[in-house]
Amino acid sequence: MASPSWGMICSGISFLVFAVIYWLADARGQTMWAVFVRPAGKHSLTTYLAPDILYHAIWMSSVPILIYKQSSEPLVAIIGSIVWALLMTGLTALLAKVQIRLKL
């Protein structure tokens, strides 16, 4: 149900979030608040590809783990997505700790 106005609203929200993060991290130099996502930034290729590998493994096992994706409740989908993103960051940190990193 994406419309041009919905796209502009999402773009505006994204711009405001970017501006706040830029102001905090670059202009003020405050980066300790983002230490929990540092592995995702440091090993971005691993963070980018790990969910696809897990999606296919979950799909092949036919275990309904990602139930938040089928939920009609927006709050469940949002919280599920945030939890999934944090799990992928944690997985990336764990893989980096055991020396598994993807590089170009």
N, C-alpha and C. Protein backbone atom coordinates (compact mmCIF):
# COMPACT_ATOMS: atom_id res chain seq x y z
N MET A 1 0.82 -1.18 0.00
CA MET A 1 0.00 0.00 0.00
C MET A 1 0.87 1.25 0.00
N ALA A 2 2.06 1.14 -0.54
CA ALA A 2 2.95 2.29 -0.58
C ALA A 2 2.45 3.29 -1.61
N SER A 3 2.38 4.52 -1.19
CA SER A 3 1.97 5.61 -2.08
C SER A 3 3.10 6.64 -2.09
N PRO A 4 3.07 7.56 -3.03
CA PRO A 4 4.10 8.60 -3.03
C PRO A 4 4.15 9.40 -1.71
N SER A 5 2.99 9.68 -1.14
CA SER A 5 3.00 10.44 0.12
C SER A 5 3.59 9.60 1.25
N TRP A 6 3.31 8.30 1.28
CA TRP A 6 3.90 7.42 2.30
C TRP A 6 5.42 7.37 2.13
N GLY A 7 5.88 7.30 0.89
CA GLY A 7 7.31 7.30 0.63
C GLY A 7 7.97 8.58 1.11
N MET A 8 7.30 9.72 0.91
CA MET A 8 7.85 11.00 1.37
C MET A 8 7.86 11.09 2.90
N ILE A 9 6.83 10.55 3.55
CA ILE A 9 6.80 10.54 5.01
C ILE A 9 7.96 9.71 5.55
N CYS A 10 8.15 8.52 4.98
CA CYS A 10 9.25 7.65 5.42
C CYS A 10 10.60 8.29 5.14
N SER A 11 10.73 8.95 4.01
CA SER A 11 11.99 9.64 3.69
C SER A 11 12.24 10.79 4.67
N GLY A 12 11.21 11.50 5.02
CA GLY A 12 11.34 12.60 5.98
C GLY A 12 11.75 12.10 7.35
N ILE A 13 11.13 11.01 7.81
CA ILE A 13 11.50 10.42 9.10
C ILE A 13 12.94 9.95 9.06
N SER A 14 13.33 9.30 7.97
CA SER A 14 14.71 8.82 7.84
C SER A 14 15.70 9.98 7.87
N PHE A 15 15.36 11.07 7.19
CA PHE A 15 16.24 12.24 7.19
C PHE A 15 16.38 12.83 8.58
N LEU A 16 15.28 12.92 9.33
CA LEU A 16 15.35 13.47 10.68
C LEU A 16 16.20 12.57 11.60
N VAL A 17 16.03 11.26 11.48
CA VAL A 17 16.84 10.34 12.29
C VAL A 17 18.31 10.49 11.92
N PHE A 18 18.60 10.57 10.62
CA PHE A 18 19.97 10.76 10.16
C PHE A 18 20.55 12.06 10.70
N ALA A 19 19.78 13.12 10.66
CA ALA A 19 20.27 14.42 11.14
C ALA A 19 20.59 14.37 12.64
N VAL A 20 19.75 13.72 13.42
CA VAL A 20 20.00 13.60 14.86
C VAL A 20 21.25 12.77 15.12
N ILE A 21 21.39 11.64 14.41
CA ILE A 21 22.57 10.80 14.61
C ILE A 21 23.83 11.53 14.15
N TYR A 22 23.76 12.25 13.05
CA TYR A 22 24.91 13.03 12.58
C TYR A 22 25.30 14.07 13.62
N TRP A 23 24.32 14.78 14.14
CA TRP A 23 24.59 15.82 15.14
C TRP A 23 25.23 15.22 16.38
N LEU A 24 24.70 14.08 16.84
CA LEU A 24 25.26 13.45 18.04
C LEU A 24 26.67 12.90 17.80
N ALA A 25 26.82 12.12 16.72
CA ALA A 25 28.08 11.39 16.51
C ALA A 25 29.18 12.26 15.91
N ASP A 26 28.87 13.01 14.88
CA ASP A 26 29.91 13.78 14.19
C ASP A 26 30.11 15.18 14.77
N ALA A 27 29.05 15.90 15.00
CA ALA A 27 29.18 17.27 15.47
C ALA A 27 29.57 17.34 16.95
N ARG A 28 28.97 16.49 17.77
CA ARG A 28 29.24 16.52 19.22
C ARG A 28 30.25 15.48 19.66
N GLY A 29 30.52 14.48 18.81
CA GLY A 29 31.51 13.46 19.14
C GLY A 29 31.06 12.43 20.18
N GLN A 30 29.76 12.32 20.38
CA GLN A 30 29.23 11.37 21.36
C GLN A 30 28.86 10.07 20.64
N THR A 31 29.67 9.04 20.83
CA THR A 31 29.43 7.77 20.14
C THR A 31 29.25 6.59 21.09
N MET A 32 29.41 6.80 22.38
CA MET A 32 29.29 5.68 23.32
C MET A 32 27.87 5.11 23.37
N TRP A 33 26.87 5.89 23.03
CA TRP A 33 25.50 5.41 23.05
C TRP A 33 25.26 4.34 21.98
N ALA A 34 26.12 4.27 20.98
CA ALA A 34 25.94 3.32 19.88
C ALA A 34 26.91 2.16 19.95
N VAL A 35 27.51 1.93 21.10
CA VAL A 35 28.52 0.87 21.21
C VAL A 35 27.93 -0.52 20.94
N PHE A 36 26.65 -0.72 21.20
CA PHE A 36 26.05 -2.03 21.00
C PHE A 36 25.86 -2.39 19.52
N VAL A 37 25.91 -1.42 18.62
CA VAL A 37 25.81 -1.72 17.19
C VAL A 37 27.15 -1.57 16.47
N ARG A 38 28.21 -1.35 17.22
CA ARG A 38 29.53 -1.20 16.62
C ARG A 38 29.95 -2.42 15.78
N PRO A 39 29.68 -3.67 16.22
CA PRO A 39 30.06 -4.82 15.38
C PRO A 39 29.38 -4.80 14.01
N ALA A 40 28.16 -4.29 13.94
CA ALA A 40 27.47 -4.22 12.66
C ALA A 40 28.14 -3.23 11.71
N GLY A 41 28.66 -2.16 12.24
CA GLY A 41 29.36 -1.19 11.41
C GLY A 41 30.77 -1.62 11.06
N LYS A 42 31.41 -2.32 11.97
CA LYS A 42 32.78 -2.76 11.75
C LYS A 42 32.86 -3.93 10.78
N HIS A 43 31.87 -4.80 10.80
CA HIS A 43 31.83 -5.98 9.93
C HIS A 43 30.52 -5.95 9.14
N SER A 44 30.36 -4.94 8.33
CA SER A 44 29.07 -4.71 7.67
C SER A 44 28.71 -5.78 6.65
N LEU A 45 29.67 -6.34 5.95
CA LEU A 45 29.34 -7.37 4.97
C LEU A 45 28.79 -8.62 5.66
N THR A 46 29.38 -9.00 6.77
CA THR A 46 28.88 -10.14 7.53
C THR A 46 27.48 -9.85 8.05
N THR A 47 27.27 -8.65 8.55
CA THR A 47 25.95 -8.26 9.06
C THR A 47 24.92 -8.24 7.94
N TYR A 48 25.34 -7.88 6.75
CA TYR A 48 24.43 -7.79 5.62
C TYR A 48 24.04 -9.17 5.10
N LEU A 49 24.97 -10.12 5.08
CA LEU A 49 24.71 -11.43 4.48
C LEU A 49 24.20 -12.47 5.47
N ALA A 50 24.49 -12.34 6.75
CA ALA A 50 24.07 -13.34 7.74
C ALA A 50 22.56 -13.55 7.79
N PRO A 51 21.73 -12.50 7.75
CA PRO A 51 20.29 -12.75 7.80
C PRO A 51 19.78 -13.58 6.62
N ASP A 52 20.33 -13.37 5.44
CA ASP A 52 19.89 -14.17 4.28
C ASP A 52 20.19 -15.64 4.48
N ILE A 53 21.37 -15.93 4.99
CA ILE A 53 21.73 -17.33 5.24
C ILE A 53 20.79 -17.93 6.28
N LEU A 54 20.51 -17.18 7.34
CA LEU A 54 19.60 -17.68 8.37
C LEU A 54 18.18 -17.80 7.87
N TYR A 55 17.72 -16.84 7.05
CA TYR A 55 16.37 -16.93 6.48
C TYR A 55 16.20 -18.24 5.70
N HIS A 56 17.17 -18.54 4.87
CA HIS A 56 17.07 -19.76 4.06
C HIS A 56 17.15 -21.01 4.93
N ALA A 57 17.99 -21.00 5.96
CA ALA A 57 18.07 -22.15 6.86
C ALA A 57 16.75 -22.34 7.61
N ILE A 58 16.16 -21.25 8.07
CA ILE A 58 14.87 -21.32 8.76
C ILE A 58 13.78 -21.78 7.80
N TRP A 59 13.79 -21.27 6.59
CA TRP A 59 12.80 -21.65 5.58
C TRP A 59 12.91 -23.14 5.24
N MET A 60 14.13 -23.64 5.10
CA MET A 60 14.32 -25.05 4.77
C MET A 60 13.93 -25.96 5.93
N SER A 61 14.06 -25.49 7.16
CA SER A 61 13.71 -26.33 8.31
C SER A 61 12.20 -26.35 8.57
N SER A 62 11.45 -25.43 7.97
CA SER A 62 9.99 -25.32 8.13
C SER A 62 9.56 -25.06 9.57
N VAL A 63 10.44 -24.51 10.36
CA VAL A 63 10.10 -24.14 11.73
C VAL A 63 9.63 -22.68 11.72
N PRO A 64 8.42 -22.42 12.20
CA PRO A 64 7.89 -21.04 12.17
C PRO A 64 8.49 -20.15 13.25
N ILE A 65 9.74 -19.77 13.06
CA ILE A 65 10.42 -18.94 14.06
C ILE A 65 10.09 -17.46 13.87
N LEU A 66 10.03 -17.02 12.65
CA LEU A 66 9.85 -15.59 12.36
C LEU A 66 8.37 -15.24 12.25
N ILE A 67 7.62 -15.50 13.32
CA ILE A 67 6.17 -15.28 13.29
C ILE A 67 5.81 -13.80 13.23
N TYR A 68 6.72 -12.93 13.64
CA TYR A 68 6.42 -11.50 13.62
C TYR A 68 6.22 -10.99 12.20
N LYS A 69 6.78 -11.69 11.21
CA LYS A 69 6.65 -11.25 9.82
C LYS A 69 5.23 -11.45 9.28
N GLN A 70 4.49 -12.38 9.84
CA GLN A 70 3.13 -12.63 9.39
C GLN A 70 2.08 -11.94 10.25
N SER A 71 2.51 -11.21 11.25
CA SER A 71 1.58 -10.57 12.16
C SER A 71 0.90 -9.38 11.49
N SER A 72 -0.39 -9.24 11.77
CA SER A 72 -1.12 -8.07 11.25
C SER A 72 -1.04 -6.91 12.24
N GLU A 73 -0.46 -7.16 13.38
CA GLU A 73 -0.30 -6.12 14.40
C GLU A 73 1.00 -5.35 14.15
N PRO A 74 0.92 -4.05 13.87
CA PRO A 74 2.14 -3.29 13.55
C PRO A 74 3.18 -3.29 14.65
N LEU A 75 2.76 -3.22 15.91
CA LEU A 75 3.71 -3.17 17.01
C LEU A 75 4.51 -4.47 17.11
N VAL A 76 3.86 -5.60 16.84
CA VAL A 76 4.55 -6.89 16.86
C VAL A 76 5.60 -6.94 15.75
N ALA A 77 5.25 -6.44 14.57
CA ALA A 77 6.20 -6.43 13.45
C ALA A 77 7.38 -5.51 13.74
N ILE A 78 7.13 -4.36 14.33
CA ILE A 78 8.21 -3.41 14.63
C ILE A 78 9.15 -3.97 15.69
N ILE A 79 8.57 -4.47 16.78
CA ILE A 79 9.41 -5.03 17.85
C ILE A 79 10.16 -6.26 17.36
N GLY A 80 9.49 -7.11 16.59
CA GLY A 80 10.16 -8.28 16.03
C GLY A 80 11.32 -7.90 15.13
N SER A 81 11.15 -6.87 14.33
CA SER A 81 12.22 -6.42 13.45
C SER A 81 13.40 -5.85 14.23
N ILE A 82 13.12 -5.11 15.28
CA ILE A 82 14.18 -4.57 16.12
C ILE A 82 14.95 -5.69 16.81
N VAL A 83 14.21 -6.66 17.34
CA VAL A 83 14.86 -7.80 18.00
C VAL A 83 15.71 -8.57 16.99
N TRP A 84 15.19 -8.79 15.78
CA TRP A 84 15.95 -9.51 14.75
C TRP A 84 17.23 -8.75 14.40
N ALA A 85 17.14 -7.44 14.26
CA ALA A 85 18.32 -6.64 13.93
C ALA A 85 19.37 -6.72 15.05
N LEU A 86 18.92 -6.67 16.29
CA LEU A 86 19.87 -6.78 17.41
C LEU A 86 20.47 -8.18 17.48
N LEU A 87 19.69 -9.20 17.18
CA LEU A 87 20.22 -10.56 17.13
C LEU A 87 21.27 -10.70 16.03
N MET A 88 21.04 -10.07 14.89
CA MET A 88 22.02 -10.14 13.80
C MET A 88 23.30 -9.40 14.18
N THR A 89 23.17 -8.31 14.91
CA THR A 89 24.36 -7.60 15.40
C THR A 89 25.12 -8.47 16.39
N GLY A 90 24.39 -9.14 17.28
CA GLY A 90 25.04 -10.05 18.22
C GLY A 90 25.70 -11.22 17.53
N LEU A 91 25.04 -11.76 16.50
CA LEU A 91 25.63 -12.86 15.73
C LEU A 91 26.91 -12.40 15.03
N THR A 92 26.89 -11.20 14.49
CA THR A 92 28.08 -10.66 13.84
C THR A 92 29.23 -10.51 14.84
N ALA A 93 28.91 -10.01 16.04
CA ALA A 93 29.94 -9.88 17.08
C ALA A 93 30.49 -11.25 17.47
N LEU A 94 29.62 -12.24 17.58
CA LEU A 94 30.05 -13.60 17.92
C LEU A 94 30.93 -14.20 16.82
N LEU A 95 30.52 -14.03 15.56
CA LEU A 95 31.32 -14.53 14.45
C LEU A 95 32.69 -13.84 14.39
N ALA A 96 32.71 -12.54 14.65
CA ALA A 96 33.99 -11.81 14.64
C ALA A 96 34.90 -12.29 15.77
N LYS A 97 34.30 -12.64 16.90
CA LYS A 97 35.09 -13.11 18.03
C LYS A 97 35.78 -14.45 17.72
N VAL A 98 35.13 -15.29 16.89
CA VAL A 98 35.74 -16.57 16.53
C VAL A 98 36.45 -16.48 15.17
N GLN A 99 36.79 -15.24 14.78
CA GLN A 99 37.59 -14.97 13.57
C GLN A 99 36.88 -15.33 12.27
N ILE A 100 35.55 -15.23 12.22
CA ILE A 100 34.83 -15.44 10.96
C ILE A 100 34.34 -14.07 10.50
N ARG A 101 34.98 -13.56 9.45
CA ARG A 101 34.66 -12.24 8.91
C ARG A 101 34.62 -12.32 7.39
N LEU A 102 33.71 -11.59 6.80
CA LEU A 102 33.65 -11.50 5.35
C LEU A 102 34.26 -10.17 4.93
N LYS A 103 35.15 -10.23 3.96
CA LYS A 103 35.82 -9.01 3.48
C LYS A 103 35.77 -8.99 1.97
N LEU A 104 35.80 -7.81 1.42
CA LEU A 104 35.89 -7.65 -0.03
C LEU A 104 37.31 -7.58 -0.46
